[in-house]
């Protein structure tokens, strides 16, 4: 799954508000369009992390329609979200994945924690242990 979501920018008297149709919890604003887009990325990551912490499924992004902007999460966060989703889908516990990887359960917990700075290679190795892989796509602006 791609972890890039469409957002709606709305001009207000005091700036630009941002909302995400697929992630209603992700609301933010900025002083202008440029600032709003920067804030949008942070709001999206925060909201998606809340799904992980709440042990909920990650909503799939809808296609971008006219008037929307696409906001992607940082690569490591996307990889962690993919790992979390793969584990949920397969019913694999942190302990079971730790055994497969020869790691402690605490190390796997860190791999899943979007706020913990993990090396992308470690997350990729965990994804491979679940039969998944990362694909990076470049999108023209």
N, C-alpha and C. Protein backbone atom coordinates (compact mmCIF):
# COMPACT_ATOMS: atom_id res chain seq x y z
N UNK A 1 0.85 -1.18 0.00
CA UNK A 1 0.00 0.00 0.00
C UNK A 1 0.89 1.24 0.00
N UNK A 2 0.45 2.25 -0.69
CA UNK A 2 1.15 3.52 -0.65
C UNK A 2 0.68 4.30 0.57
N UNK A 3 1.59 4.97 1.21
CA UNK A 3 1.25 5.80 2.36
C UNK A 3 1.36 7.26 1.95
N UNK A 4 0.55 7.62 0.97
CA UNK A 4 0.42 8.99 0.48
C UNK A 4 -1.06 9.27 0.35
N UNK A 5 -1.52 10.32 0.99
CA UNK A 5 -2.94 10.60 1.12
C UNK A 5 -3.30 11.96 0.53
N UNK A 6 -4.46 12.04 -0.11
CA UNK A 6 -4.91 13.33 -0.62
C UNK A 6 -5.40 14.22 0.52
N UNK A 7 -5.12 15.51 0.40
CA UNK A 7 -5.62 16.47 1.38
C UNK A 7 -6.30 17.61 0.65
N UNK A 8 -7.13 18.31 1.40
CA UNK A 8 -7.86 19.46 0.89
C UNK A 8 -7.34 20.70 1.61
N UNK A 9 -6.93 21.69 0.84
CA UNK A 9 -6.49 22.97 1.40
C UNK A 9 -7.62 23.97 1.24
N UNK A 10 -7.95 24.64 2.33
CA UNK A 10 -9.04 25.62 2.32
C UNK A 10 -8.52 26.95 2.83
N UNK A 11 -8.65 27.98 2.01
CA UNK A 11 -8.22 29.32 2.43
C UNK A 11 -9.18 29.86 3.48
N UNK A 12 -8.62 30.37 4.55
CA UNK A 12 -9.38 30.96 5.66
C UNK A 12 -8.91 32.40 5.83
N UNK A 13 -9.59 33.16 6.68
CA UNK A 13 -9.17 34.54 6.95
C UNK A 13 -7.75 34.62 7.50
N UNK A 14 -7.42 33.68 8.37
CA UNK A 14 -6.13 33.74 9.06
C UNK A 14 -5.11 32.73 8.55
N UNK A 15 -5.34 32.11 7.39
CA UNK A 15 -4.37 31.16 6.84
C UNK A 15 -5.04 30.13 5.96
N UNK A 16 -4.45 28.94 5.95
CA UNK A 16 -4.94 27.85 5.12
C UNK A 16 -5.14 26.62 6.00
N UNK A 17 -6.34 26.06 6.00
CA UNK A 17 -6.61 24.85 6.78
C UNK A 17 -6.41 23.63 5.89
N UNK A 18 -6.09 22.51 6.53
CA UNK A 18 -5.83 21.25 5.83
C UNK A 18 -6.65 20.15 6.46
N UNK A 19 -7.28 19.35 5.60
CA UNK A 19 -8.00 18.16 6.07
C UNK A 19 -7.71 17.02 5.12
N UNK A 20 -7.84 15.82 5.62
CA UNK A 20 -7.60 14.61 4.84
C UNK A 20 -8.89 13.80 4.81
N UNK A 21 -9.50 13.61 3.63
CA UNK A 21 -10.75 12.86 3.54
C UNK A 21 -10.66 11.44 4.11
N UNK A 22 -9.52 10.78 3.95
CA UNK A 22 -9.36 9.40 4.41
C UNK A 22 -8.94 9.29 5.87
N UNK A 23 -8.42 10.36 6.43
CA UNK A 23 -7.90 10.37 7.80
C UNK A 23 -8.52 11.58 8.50
N UNK A 24 -9.75 11.46 8.98
CA UNK A 24 -10.44 12.62 9.54
C UNK A 24 -9.77 13.23 10.77
N UNK A 25 -8.93 12.46 11.44
CA UNK A 25 -8.23 12.98 12.62
C UNK A 25 -7.10 13.93 12.24
N UNK A 26 -6.66 13.88 11.01
CA UNK A 26 -5.52 14.71 10.57
C UNK A 26 -6.03 16.06 10.11
N UNK A 27 -6.02 17.00 11.02
CA UNK A 27 -6.44 18.37 10.73
C UNK A 27 -5.33 19.31 11.16
N UNK A 28 -5.06 20.30 10.35
CA UNK A 28 -4.03 21.27 10.71
C UNK A 28 -4.25 22.54 9.89
N UNK A 29 -3.33 23.48 10.05
CA UNK A 29 -3.42 24.72 9.26
C UNK A 29 -2.03 25.32 9.16
N UNK A 30 -1.91 26.30 8.29
CA UNK A 30 -0.66 27.00 8.12
C UNK A 30 -0.92 28.46 7.80
N UNK A 31 0.12 29.25 7.89
CA UNK A 31 0.00 30.69 7.60
C UNK A 31 -0.33 30.94 6.14
N UNK A 32 0.22 30.09 5.27
CA UNK A 32 -0.03 30.19 3.83
C UNK A 32 0.00 28.78 3.25
N UNK A 33 -0.15 28.66 1.95
CA UNK A 33 -0.22 27.35 1.29
C UNK A 33 1.04 26.52 1.56
N UNK A 34 2.19 27.13 1.42
CA UNK A 34 3.46 26.42 1.62
C UNK A 34 3.58 25.90 3.06
N UNK A 35 3.27 26.76 4.01
CA UNK A 35 3.33 26.35 5.42
C UNK A 35 2.29 25.27 5.70
N UNK A 36 1.11 25.39 5.12
CA UNK A 36 0.05 24.40 5.33
C UNK A 36 0.48 23.02 4.84
N UNK A 37 1.20 22.95 3.72
CA UNK A 37 1.66 21.67 3.20
C UNK A 37 2.71 21.03 4.11
N UNK A 38 3.57 21.85 4.70
CA UNK A 38 4.55 21.34 5.66
C UNK A 38 3.82 20.80 6.89
N UNK A 39 2.86 21.56 7.40
CA UNK A 39 2.09 21.13 8.57
C UNK A 39 1.27 19.89 8.26
N UNK A 40 0.81 19.76 7.02
CA UNK A 40 -0.01 18.61 6.61
C UNK A 40 0.75 17.31 6.78
N UNK A 41 2.01 17.30 6.42
CA UNK A 41 2.82 16.09 6.56
C UNK A 41 2.91 15.67 8.02
N UNK A 42 3.18 16.62 8.90
CA UNK A 42 3.27 16.32 10.34
C UNK A 42 1.93 15.81 10.88
N UNK A 43 0.84 16.44 10.49
CA UNK A 43 -0.48 16.03 10.96
C UNK A 43 -0.82 14.62 10.48
N UNK A 44 -0.46 14.32 9.24
CA UNK A 44 -0.73 12.99 8.70
C UNK A 44 0.03 11.92 9.46
N UNK A 45 1.31 12.15 9.68
CA UNK A 45 2.13 11.17 10.42
C UNK A 45 1.57 10.97 11.83
N UNK A 46 1.23 12.06 12.49
CA UNK A 46 0.70 11.96 13.85
C UNK A 46 -0.59 11.14 13.88
N UNK A 47 -1.48 11.39 12.94
CA UNK A 47 -2.75 10.67 12.90
C UNK A 47 -2.55 9.19 12.58
N UNK A 48 -1.66 8.89 11.63
CA UNK A 48 -1.41 7.49 11.29
C UNK A 48 -0.75 6.75 12.45
N UNK A 49 0.12 7.44 13.18
CA UNK A 49 0.73 6.84 14.37
C UNK A 49 -0.33 6.51 15.42
N UNK A 50 -1.34 7.34 15.51
CA UNK A 50 -2.42 7.07 16.48
C UNK A 50 -3.14 5.77 16.14
N UNK A 51 -3.27 5.46 14.85
CA UNK A 51 -3.87 4.17 14.47
C UNK A 51 -3.00 3.02 14.96
N UNK A 52 -1.70 3.15 14.83
CA UNK A 52 -0.78 2.10 15.29
C UNK A 52 -0.88 1.96 16.80
N UNK A 53 -0.79 3.08 17.51
CA UNK A 53 -0.84 3.02 18.97
C UNK A 53 -2.19 2.49 19.46
N UNK A 54 -3.25 2.76 18.72
CA UNK A 54 -4.57 2.27 19.07
C UNK A 54 -4.86 0.88 18.55
N UNK A 55 -3.86 0.28 17.88
CA UNK A 55 -3.97 -1.07 17.31
C UNK A 55 -5.15 -1.19 16.35
N UNK A 56 -5.32 -0.16 15.54
CA UNK A 56 -6.38 -0.12 14.54
C UNK A 56 -5.77 -0.31 13.15
N UNK A 57 -6.61 -0.65 12.19
CA UNK A 57 -6.16 -0.77 10.82
C UNK A 57 -5.84 0.60 10.23
N UNK A 58 -4.89 0.63 9.32
CA UNK A 58 -4.52 1.87 8.64
C UNK A 58 -5.45 2.04 7.43
N UNK A 59 -6.19 3.14 7.35
CA UNK A 59 -7.07 3.34 6.19
C UNK A 59 -6.28 3.45 4.88
N UNK A 60 -6.83 2.89 3.83
CA UNK A 60 -6.20 3.00 2.51
C UNK A 60 -6.47 4.40 1.95
N UNK A 61 -5.50 4.95 1.24
CA UNK A 61 -5.71 6.28 0.64
C UNK A 61 -6.62 6.17 -0.59
N UNK A 62 -7.44 7.18 -0.78
CA UNK A 62 -8.27 7.25 -1.97
C UNK A 62 -7.48 7.95 -3.07
N UNK A 63 -7.94 7.84 -4.32
CA UNK A 63 -7.24 8.54 -5.40
C UNK A 63 -7.35 10.06 -5.22
N UNK A 64 -6.36 10.75 -5.71
CA UNK A 64 -6.36 12.22 -5.67
C UNK A 64 -7.33 12.72 -6.74
N UNK A 65 -8.15 13.67 -6.36
CA UNK A 65 -9.06 14.29 -7.31
C UNK A 65 -8.67 15.76 -7.47
N UNK A 66 -9.24 16.38 -8.48
CA UNK A 66 -8.92 17.78 -8.77
C UNK A 66 -9.15 18.64 -7.51
N UNK A 67 -8.20 19.51 -7.25
CA UNK A 67 -8.29 20.40 -6.10
C UNK A 67 -7.65 19.84 -4.84
N UNK A 68 -7.12 18.62 -4.91
CA UNK A 68 -6.46 18.02 -3.76
C UNK A 68 -4.95 17.96 -3.99
N UNK A 69 -4.22 17.88 -2.89
CA UNK A 69 -2.76 17.71 -2.92
C UNK A 69 -2.45 16.34 -2.32
N UNK A 70 -1.41 15.69 -2.81
CA UNK A 70 -1.00 14.40 -2.29
C UNK A 70 0.14 14.61 -1.29
N UNK A 71 -0.04 14.06 -0.10
CA UNK A 71 0.97 14.17 0.96
C UNK A 71 1.46 12.76 1.29
N UNK A 72 2.75 12.54 1.17
CA UNK A 72 3.35 11.24 1.49
C UNK A 72 4.06 11.33 2.83
N UNK A 73 4.04 10.22 3.57
CA UNK A 73 4.76 10.18 4.83
C UNK A 73 6.23 9.88 4.53
N UNK A 74 7.14 10.22 5.43
CA UNK A 74 8.56 9.90 5.23
C UNK A 74 8.77 8.39 5.04
N UNK A 75 9.82 8.03 4.33
CA UNK A 75 10.10 6.64 3.96
C UNK A 75 10.11 5.69 5.16
N UNK A 76 10.83 6.02 6.21
CA UNK A 76 10.92 5.12 7.35
C UNK A 76 9.55 4.94 8.00
N UNK A 77 8.77 6.00 8.08
CA UNK A 77 7.42 5.88 8.65
C UNK A 77 6.57 4.99 7.77
N UNK A 78 6.66 5.15 6.46
CA UNK A 78 5.90 4.30 5.54
C UNK A 78 6.29 2.83 5.72
N UNK A 79 7.57 2.57 5.87
CA UNK A 79 8.04 1.20 6.06
C UNK A 79 7.50 0.61 7.37
N UNK A 80 7.49 1.41 8.42
CA UNK A 80 6.97 0.94 9.71
C UNK A 80 5.46 0.70 9.63
N UNK A 81 4.75 1.56 8.92
CA UNK A 81 3.31 1.35 8.74
C UNK A 81 3.06 0.08 7.94
N UNK A 82 3.89 -0.18 6.94
CA UNK A 82 3.76 -1.40 6.15
C UNK A 82 4.03 -2.63 7.01
N UNK A 83 5.04 -2.55 7.87
CA UNK A 83 5.36 -3.67 8.76
C UNK A 83 4.20 -3.92 9.72
N UNK A 84 3.70 -2.87 10.32
CA UNK A 84 2.55 -2.98 11.23
C UNK A 84 1.36 -3.62 10.51
N UNK A 85 1.06 -3.15 9.31
CA UNK A 85 -0.09 -3.68 8.56
C UNK A 85 0.11 -5.14 8.18
N UNK A 86 1.32 -5.51 7.77
CA UNK A 86 1.61 -6.90 7.41
C UNK A 86 1.46 -7.82 8.62
N UNK A 87 1.93 -7.37 9.76
CA UNK A 87 1.80 -8.18 10.98
C UNK A 87 0.33 -8.35 11.36
N UNK A 88 -0.43 -7.28 11.26
CA UNK A 88 -1.87 -7.34 11.55
C UNK A 88 -2.58 -8.30 10.60
N UNK A 89 -2.26 -8.17 9.33
CA UNK A 89 -2.90 -8.99 8.29
C UNK A 89 -2.61 -10.47 8.50
N UNK A 90 -1.39 -10.79 8.91
CA UNK A 90 -0.99 -12.18 9.08
C UNK A 90 -1.21 -12.70 10.50
N UNK A 91 -1.63 -11.83 11.40
CA UNK A 91 -1.84 -12.25 12.78
C UNK A 91 -0.55 -12.63 13.49
N UNK A 92 0.54 -11.96 13.15
CA UNK A 92 1.86 -12.23 13.72
C UNK A 92 2.10 -11.30 14.90
N UNK A 93 2.45 -11.85 16.03
CA UNK A 93 2.74 -11.04 17.21
C UNK A 93 4.18 -10.51 17.15
N UNK A 94 4.46 -9.54 18.00
CA UNK A 94 5.82 -9.01 18.10
C UNK A 94 6.79 -10.11 18.52
N UNK A 95 6.35 -10.94 19.43
CA UNK A 95 7.20 -12.03 19.91
C UNK A 95 7.50 -13.02 18.80
N UNK A 96 6.49 -13.37 18.01
CA UNK A 96 6.69 -14.31 16.90
C UNK A 96 7.64 -13.72 15.86
N UNK A 97 7.48 -12.45 15.54
CA UNK A 97 8.38 -11.82 14.58
C UNK A 97 9.79 -11.74 15.15
N UNK A 98 9.90 -11.47 16.43
CA UNK A 98 11.22 -11.41 17.07
C UNK A 98 11.93 -12.76 16.94
N UNK A 99 11.21 -13.85 17.14
CA UNK A 99 11.80 -15.19 16.99
C UNK A 99 12.29 -15.39 15.55
N UNK A 100 11.48 -15.00 14.57
CA UNK A 100 11.86 -15.16 13.16
C UNK A 100 13.13 -14.39 12.83
N UNK A 101 13.27 -13.23 13.44
CA UNK A 101 14.41 -12.35 13.15
C UNK A 101 15.61 -12.57 14.06
N UNK A 102 15.43 -13.37 15.11
CA UNK A 102 16.50 -13.57 16.08
C UNK A 102 16.76 -12.33 16.92
N UNK A 103 15.68 -11.58 17.19
CA UNK A 103 15.77 -10.35 17.98
C UNK A 103 14.94 -10.48 19.25
N UNK A 104 15.08 -9.52 20.12
CA UNK A 104 14.23 -9.45 21.30
C UNK A 104 12.89 -8.83 20.91
N UNK A 105 11.88 -9.07 21.72
CA UNK A 105 10.57 -8.46 21.49
C UNK A 105 10.68 -6.94 21.57
N UNK A 106 11.52 -6.44 22.43
CA UNK A 106 11.74 -5.00 22.57
C UNK A 106 12.30 -4.40 21.30
N UNK A 107 13.19 -5.11 20.62
CA UNK A 107 13.75 -4.62 19.36
C UNK A 107 12.68 -4.52 18.29
N UNK A 108 11.77 -5.50 18.25
CA UNK A 108 10.67 -5.47 17.28
C UNK A 108 9.71 -4.34 17.63
N UNK A 109 9.49 -4.13 18.92
CA UNK A 109 8.63 -3.03 19.35
C UNK A 109 9.17 -1.70 18.83
N UNK A 110 10.48 -1.53 18.87
CA UNK A 110 11.11 -0.31 18.36
C UNK A 110 10.95 -0.20 16.84
N UNK A 111 11.04 -1.34 16.14
CA UNK A 111 10.86 -1.32 14.69
C UNK A 111 9.45 -0.86 14.30
N UNK A 112 8.49 -1.13 15.15
CA UNK A 112 7.11 -0.75 14.89
C UNK A 112 6.77 0.66 15.36
N UNK A 113 7.57 1.20 16.25
CA UNK A 113 7.28 2.51 16.84
C UNK A 113 7.63 3.62 15.86
N UNK A 114 6.62 4.33 15.32
CA UNK A 114 6.92 5.40 14.35
C UNK A 114 7.76 6.53 14.93
N UNK A 115 7.76 6.68 16.24
CA UNK A 115 8.53 7.75 16.87
C UNK A 115 9.98 7.35 17.16
N UNK A 116 10.30 6.05 17.04
CA UNK A 116 11.65 5.58 17.30
C UNK A 116 12.44 5.61 15.99
N UNK A 117 13.65 6.12 16.04
CA UNK A 117 14.47 6.24 14.83
C UNK A 117 15.13 4.90 14.50
N UNK A 118 14.52 4.16 13.62
CA UNK A 118 15.05 2.88 13.18
C UNK A 118 15.79 3.05 11.86
N UNK A 119 16.72 2.16 11.60
CA UNK A 119 17.40 2.12 10.31
C UNK A 119 16.47 1.45 9.31
N UNK A 120 16.33 2.02 8.13
CA UNK A 120 15.40 1.49 7.13
C UNK A 120 15.72 0.04 6.78
N UNK A 121 17.00 -0.33 6.80
CA UNK A 121 17.39 -1.71 6.50
C UNK A 121 16.83 -2.71 7.49
N UNK A 122 16.74 -2.31 8.75
CA UNK A 122 16.18 -3.20 9.77
C UNK A 122 14.69 -3.43 9.54
N UNK A 123 13.99 -2.36 9.21
CA UNK A 123 12.55 -2.48 8.95
C UNK A 123 12.33 -3.31 7.68
N UNK A 124 13.16 -3.09 6.68
CA UNK A 124 13.05 -3.85 5.43
C UNK A 124 13.28 -5.34 5.68
N UNK A 125 14.24 -5.68 6.51
CA UNK A 125 14.52 -7.09 6.84
C UNK A 125 13.31 -7.72 7.53
N UNK A 126 12.67 -6.98 8.43
CA UNK A 126 11.48 -7.49 9.11
C UNK A 126 10.34 -7.69 8.11
N UNK A 127 10.18 -6.77 7.17
CA UNK A 127 9.15 -6.92 6.13
C UNK A 127 9.42 -8.16 5.29
N UNK A 128 10.67 -8.38 4.94
CA UNK A 128 11.03 -9.56 4.15
C UNK A 128 10.70 -10.86 4.90
N UNK A 129 10.87 -10.85 6.21
CA UNK A 129 10.55 -12.03 7.02
C UNK A 129 9.06 -12.35 6.97
N UNK A 130 8.25 -11.36 6.58
CA UNK A 130 6.81 -11.56 6.45
C UNK A 130 6.39 -11.72 4.99
N UNK A 131 7.37 -11.81 4.09
CA UNK A 131 7.06 -11.98 2.68
C UNK A 131 6.70 -10.70 1.95
N UNK A 132 7.08 -9.57 2.51
CA UNK A 132 6.79 -8.27 1.90
C UNK A 132 8.09 -7.59 1.50
N UNK A 133 7.97 -6.59 0.65
CA UNK A 133 9.14 -5.81 0.27
C UNK A 133 8.74 -4.35 0.08
N UNK A 134 9.73 -3.50 0.10
CA UNK A 134 9.50 -2.07 -0.12
C UNK A 134 9.73 -1.75 -1.59
N UNK A 135 8.88 -0.91 -2.12
CA UNK A 135 9.06 -0.38 -3.47
C UNK A 135 8.97 1.12 -3.36
N UNK A 136 9.97 1.81 -3.86
CA UNK A 136 9.98 3.27 -3.81
C UNK A 136 9.62 3.77 -5.19
N UNK A 137 8.65 4.64 -5.25
CA UNK A 137 8.23 5.22 -6.52
C UNK A 137 8.46 6.72 -6.48
N UNK A 138 8.98 7.24 -7.55
CA UNK A 138 9.17 8.68 -7.67
C UNK A 138 7.96 9.26 -8.37
N UNK A 139 7.42 10.32 -7.81
CA UNK A 139 6.24 10.96 -8.39
C UNK A 139 6.65 12.34 -8.86
N UNK A 140 6.33 12.63 -10.10
CA UNK A 140 6.62 13.96 -10.63
C UNK A 140 5.74 14.98 -9.93
N UNK A 141 6.31 16.13 -9.66
CA UNK A 141 5.55 17.18 -8.97
C UNK A 141 4.49 17.80 -9.85
